Amino acid sequence: MDKLDSQTRGKILRSALKHFAECGYAGASVQAIVDAARVTKPTLYYYFKSKAGLFQALIDWAHDERYRLMCEASEGVGELSSQLTEVLAALFEFINGNRSLMRIAFATAFSARGEIPAEIRYVDKCERNFEFIHALIRRGVAGGALNKTYSSRELTMSIYGMMTIKVMEHLLHGKPRLTRRDAESIVQLFLGGAAVHR
């Protein structure tokens, strides 16, 4: 986890990640988290205020780091196909190295009411990340690279959906590892379509 303000905070987050990933939110105990991190409960509460605050920090990291990587990957890349490939490849590399974190992020998005605390916020960051891809697609439509038969939102849902299914397959099975070739294939299928053009 990059840019942590202290080693102690990082130890707590790593311990929490392991426990939340293995036990879910309700099953992970603060005592088990602090014991594994070798800190006290007051230390945890100093950094995160509550168990929910600790969980929120992990969710924020999952979404914020992906957003940062998408921004970085698309910088200075000209055409849409290259931008999308670089963005997906960067996301896939992050997901390969942070499988437990991404499992928590996905589980949060699909959790039942009451499964996680009501104060946990993630929808705004999910939408921000989606809108990043949407902005690339809108520019592609405006520049004539994409078919105007479909709305930019429909087109974004298409590539975002393909990417998400690939990620879900990886999270469910752990293999195959997500690769740059996967990113290229998704972009090629999205841009070229599967139909034979006559």
Protein backbone atom coordinates (compact mmCIF):
# COMPACT_ATOMS: atom_id res chain seq x y z
CA MET A 1 0.00 0.00 0.00
CA ASP A 2 1.65 3.17 -1.17
CA LYS A 3 1.90 6.57 0.51
CA LEU A 4 0.95 5.37 3.97
CA ASP A 5 1.48 8.03 6.60
CA SER A 6 3.11 5.53 8.96
CA GLN A 7 4.34 1.98 9.19
CA THR A 8 1.84 1.35 11.99
CA ARG A 9 -1.08 2.42 9.83
CA GLY A 10 0.19 0.13 7.10
CA LYS A 11 0.47 -2.84 9.45
CA ILE A 12 -3.11 -2.31 10.59
CA LEU A 13 -4.37 -2.07 6.99
CA ARG A 14 -2.54 -5.23 5.92
CA SER A 15 -3.92 -7.13 8.90
CA ALA A 16 -7.44 -5.79 8.26
CA LEU A 17 -7.25 -6.72 4.59
CA LYS A 18 -6.40 -10.31 5.47
CA HIS A 19 -9.18 -10.60 8.05
CA PHE A 20 -11.89 -8.87 6.00
CA ALA A 21 -10.98 -10.97 2.94
CA GLU A 22 -11.09 -14.22 4.91
CA CYS A 23 -14.02 -13.52 7.25
CA GLY A 24 -16.12 -10.78 5.68
CA TYR A 25 -16.97 -7.56 7.48
CA ALA A 26 -19.12 -9.08 10.23
CA GLY A 27 -16.80 -12.02 10.86
CA ALA A 28 -13.61 -9.97 11.16
CA SER A 29 -12.98 -8.94 14.74
CA VAL A 30 -11.12 -5.81 15.76
CA GLN A 31 -9.28 -7.86 18.37
CA ALA A 32 -8.01 -10.33 15.77
CA ILE A 33 -6.92 -7.45 13.52
CA VAL A 34 -4.96 -5.66 16.27
CA ASP A 35 -3.47 -8.92 17.53
CA ALA A 36 -2.17 -9.78 14.06
CA ALA A 37 -0.87 -6.23 13.56
CA ARG A 38 0.68 -6.25 17.07
CA VAL A 39 -0.93 -2.98 18.05
CA THR A 40 -3.55 -1.97 20.60
CA LYS A 41 -7.20 -1.11 19.96
CA PRO A 42 -6.59 2.55 20.86
CA THR A 43 -3.87 2.63 18.19
CA LEU A 44 -6.30 1.28 15.58
CA TYR A 45 -8.93 3.81 16.64
CA TYR A 46 -6.38 6.62 16.49
CA TYR A 47 -5.82 5.95 12.79
CA PHE A 48 -9.27 4.77 11.71
CA LYS A 49 -11.80 5.82 14.41
CA SER A 50 -13.78 2.58 14.02
CA LYS A 51 -13.96 -0.83 12.37
CA ALA A 52 -16.11 0.78 9.68
CA GLY A 53 -13.49 3.49 9.18
CA LEU A 54 -10.85 0.82 8.71
CA PHE A 55 -13.00 -0.97 6.15
CA GLN A 56 -13.69 2.35 4.39
CA ALA A 57 -9.94 3.00 4.12
CA LEU A 58 -9.51 -0.28 2.23
CA ILE A 59 -12.45 0.43 -0.08
CA ASP A 60 -11.12 3.94 -0.76
CA TRP A 61 -7.69 2.56 -1.57
CA ALA A 62 -9.12 -0.01 -4.01
CA HIS A 63 -11.02 2.66 -5.96
CA ASP A 64 -8.57 5.55 -5.64
CA GLU A 65 -5.54 3.56 -6.71
CA ARG A 66 -7.35 2.22 -9.78
CA TYR A 67 -8.41 5.75 -10.68
CA ARG A 68 -4.84 7.01 -10.30
CA LEU A 69 -3.53 4.20 -12.48
CA MET A 70 -6.14 4.88 -15.19
CA CYS A 71 -5.23 8.57 -15.29
CA GLU A 72 -1.54 7.78 -15.44
CA ALA A 73 -1.92 5.06 -18.09
CA SER A 74 -3.89 7.27 -20.48
CA GLU A 75 -1.57 10.29 -20.27
CA GLY A 76 0.20 11.09 -23.51
CA VAL A 77 -1.45 8.23 -25.39
CA GLY A 78 -3.10 9.42 -28.59
CA GLU A 79 -5.60 7.10 -30.19
CA LEU A 80 -8.55 5.52 -28.40
CA SER A 81 -7.49 1.89 -28.90
CA SER A 82 -4.10 2.57 -27.32
CA GLN A 83 -5.64 4.54 -24.46
CA LEU A 84 -8.10 1.76 -23.64
CA THR A 85 -5.42 -0.91 -23.89
CA GLU A 86 -3.06 0.98 -21.57
CA VAL A 87 -5.83 1.66 -19.06
CA LEU A 88 -7.01 -1.96 -18.97
CA ALA A 89 -3.45 -3.31 -18.81
CA ALA A 90 -2.69 -1.04 -15.83
CA LEU A 91 -5.89 -2.11 -14.07
CA PHE A 92 -5.18 -5.77 -14.69
CA GLU A 93 -1.65 -5.48 -13.29
CA PHE A 94 -3.01 -3.84 -10.14
CA ILE A 95 -5.73 -6.48 -9.76
CA ASN A 96 -3.18 -9.30 -10.16
CA GLY A 97 -1.23 -7.93 -7.23
CA ASN A 98 -4.23 -7.05 -5.06
CA ARG A 99 -6.68 -9.90 -5.44
CA SER A 100 -7.94 -9.84 -1.83
CA LEU A 101 -8.48 -6.09 -1.94
CA MET A 102 -10.47 -6.38 -5.16
CA ARG A 103 -12.55 -9.23 -3.78
CA ILE A 104 -13.54 -6.95 -0.89
CA ALA A 105 -14.36 -4.09 -3.28
CA PHE A 106 -16.57 -6.35 -5.45
CA ALA A 107 -18.24 -7.94 -2.43
CA THR A 108 -19.05 -4.50 -1.05
CA ALA A 109 -20.74 -3.46 -4.27
CA PHE A 110 -22.97 -6.54 -4.19
CA SER A 111 -23.53 -6.79 -0.44
CA ALA A 112 -27.00 -7.23 1.02
CA ARG A 113 -28.50 -4.50 3.16
CA GLY A 114 -27.02 -4.74 6.64
CA GLU A 115 -24.05 -6.83 5.51
CA ILE A 116 -21.76 -3.82 5.77
CA PRO A 117 -22.31 -0.64 7.79
CA ALA A 118 -24.64 1.89 6.17
CA GLU A 119 -21.98 4.61 6.41
CA ILE A 120 -19.60 2.80 4.03
CA ARG A 121 -19.35 4.88 0.85
CA TYR A 122 -18.28 3.42 -2.46
CA VAL A 123 -20.90 4.26 -5.12
CA ASP A 124 -19.48 7.73 -5.83
CA LYS A 125 -16.02 6.28 -6.45
CA CYS A 126 -17.41 3.46 -8.60
CA GLU A 127 -19.20 6.09 -10.68
CA ARG A 128 -16.07 8.28 -10.89
CA ASN A 129 -14.04 5.34 -12.23
CA PHE A 130 -16.77 4.44 -14.72
CA GLU A 131 -16.98 8.06 -15.84
CA PHE A 132 -13.26 8.09 -16.54
CA ILE A 133 -13.74 5.37 -19.17
CA HIS A 134 -16.93 7.10 -20.32
CA ALA A 135 -14.96 10.30 -21.01
CA LEU A 136 -12.53 8.35 -23.21
CA ILE A 137 -15.44 6.80 -25.11
CA ARG A 138 -17.19 10.17 -25.53
CA ARG A 139 -14.02 11.58 -27.09
CA GLY A 140 -13.85 8.52 -29.35
CA VAL A 141 -17.43 9.10 -30.51
CA ALA A 142 -16.81 12.82 -31.06
CA GLY A 143 -13.62 12.08 -32.99
CA GLY A 144 -15.31 9.57 -35.29
CA ALA A 145 -13.53 6.47 -33.93
CA LEU A 146 -16.76 4.88 -32.68
CA ASN A 147 -20.16 4.11 -34.16
CA LYS A 148 -22.71 6.81 -33.32
CA THR A 149 -25.55 4.28 -33.55
CA TYR A 150 -25.04 3.71 -29.83
CA SER A 151 -24.84 6.26 -27.05
CA SER A 152 -21.50 6.84 -25.42
CA ARG A 153 -22.94 5.34 -22.24
CA GLU A 154 -24.03 2.15 -24.04
CA LEU A 155 -20.58 1.85 -25.57
CA THR A 156 -18.93 2.39 -22.19
CA MET A 157 -21.15 -0.25 -20.61
CA SER A 158 -20.02 -2.64 -23.32
CA ILE A 159 -16.28 -2.37 -22.72
CA TYR A 160 -16.66 -1.90 -18.98
CA GLY A 161 -18.80 -5.04 -18.87
CA MET A 162 -16.24 -7.11 -20.78
CA MET A 163 -13.49 -5.88 -18.47
CA THR A 164 -15.56 -6.59 -15.34
CA ILE A 165 -16.42 -10.15 -16.41
CA LYS A 166 -12.74 -10.85 -17.05
CA VAL A 167 -11.86 -9.49 -13.60
CA MET A 168 -14.64 -11.50 -11.93
CA GLU A 169 -13.36 -14.69 -13.60
CA HIS A 170 -9.92 -13.96 -12.18
CA LEU A 171 -11.25 -13.20 -8.70
CA LEU A 172 -13.39 -16.34 -8.62
CA HIS A 173 -10.73 -18.74 -9.88
CA GLY A 174 -7.44 -16.95 -9.17
CA LYS A 175 -6.24 -18.03 -12.57
CA PRO A 176 -5.59 -17.24 -15.28
CA ARG A 177 -3.51 -14.22 -14.44
CA LEU A 178 -4.78 -11.07 -16.15
CA THR A 179 -2.40 -10.03 -18.91
CA ARG A 180 -1.74 -7.26 -21.38
CA ARG A 181 -2.95 -9.68 -24.05
CA ASP A 182 -6.31 -9.84 -22.25
CA ALA A 183 -6.49 -6.04 -22.36
CA GLU A 184 -5.65 -6.04 -26.08
CA SER A 185 -8.25 -8.73 -26.82
CA ILE A 186 -11.01 -6.88 -24.99
CA VAL A 187 -10.21 -3.65 -26.82
CA GLN A 188 -10.02 -5.43 -30.21
CA LEU A 189 -13.35 -7.16 -29.63
CA PHE A 190 -14.93 -3.91 -28.47
CA LEU A 191 -13.66 -1.89 -31.43
CA GLY A 192 -13.96 -4.57 -34.12
CA GLY A 193 -16.98 -6.52 -32.97
CA ALA A 194 -17.50 -10.23 -33.38
CA ALA A 195 -19.65 -10.18 -36.54
CA VAL A 196 -18.22 -10.96 -39.95
CA HIS A 197 -18.40 -7.76 -42.00
CA ARG A 198 -19.32 -8.38 -45.65
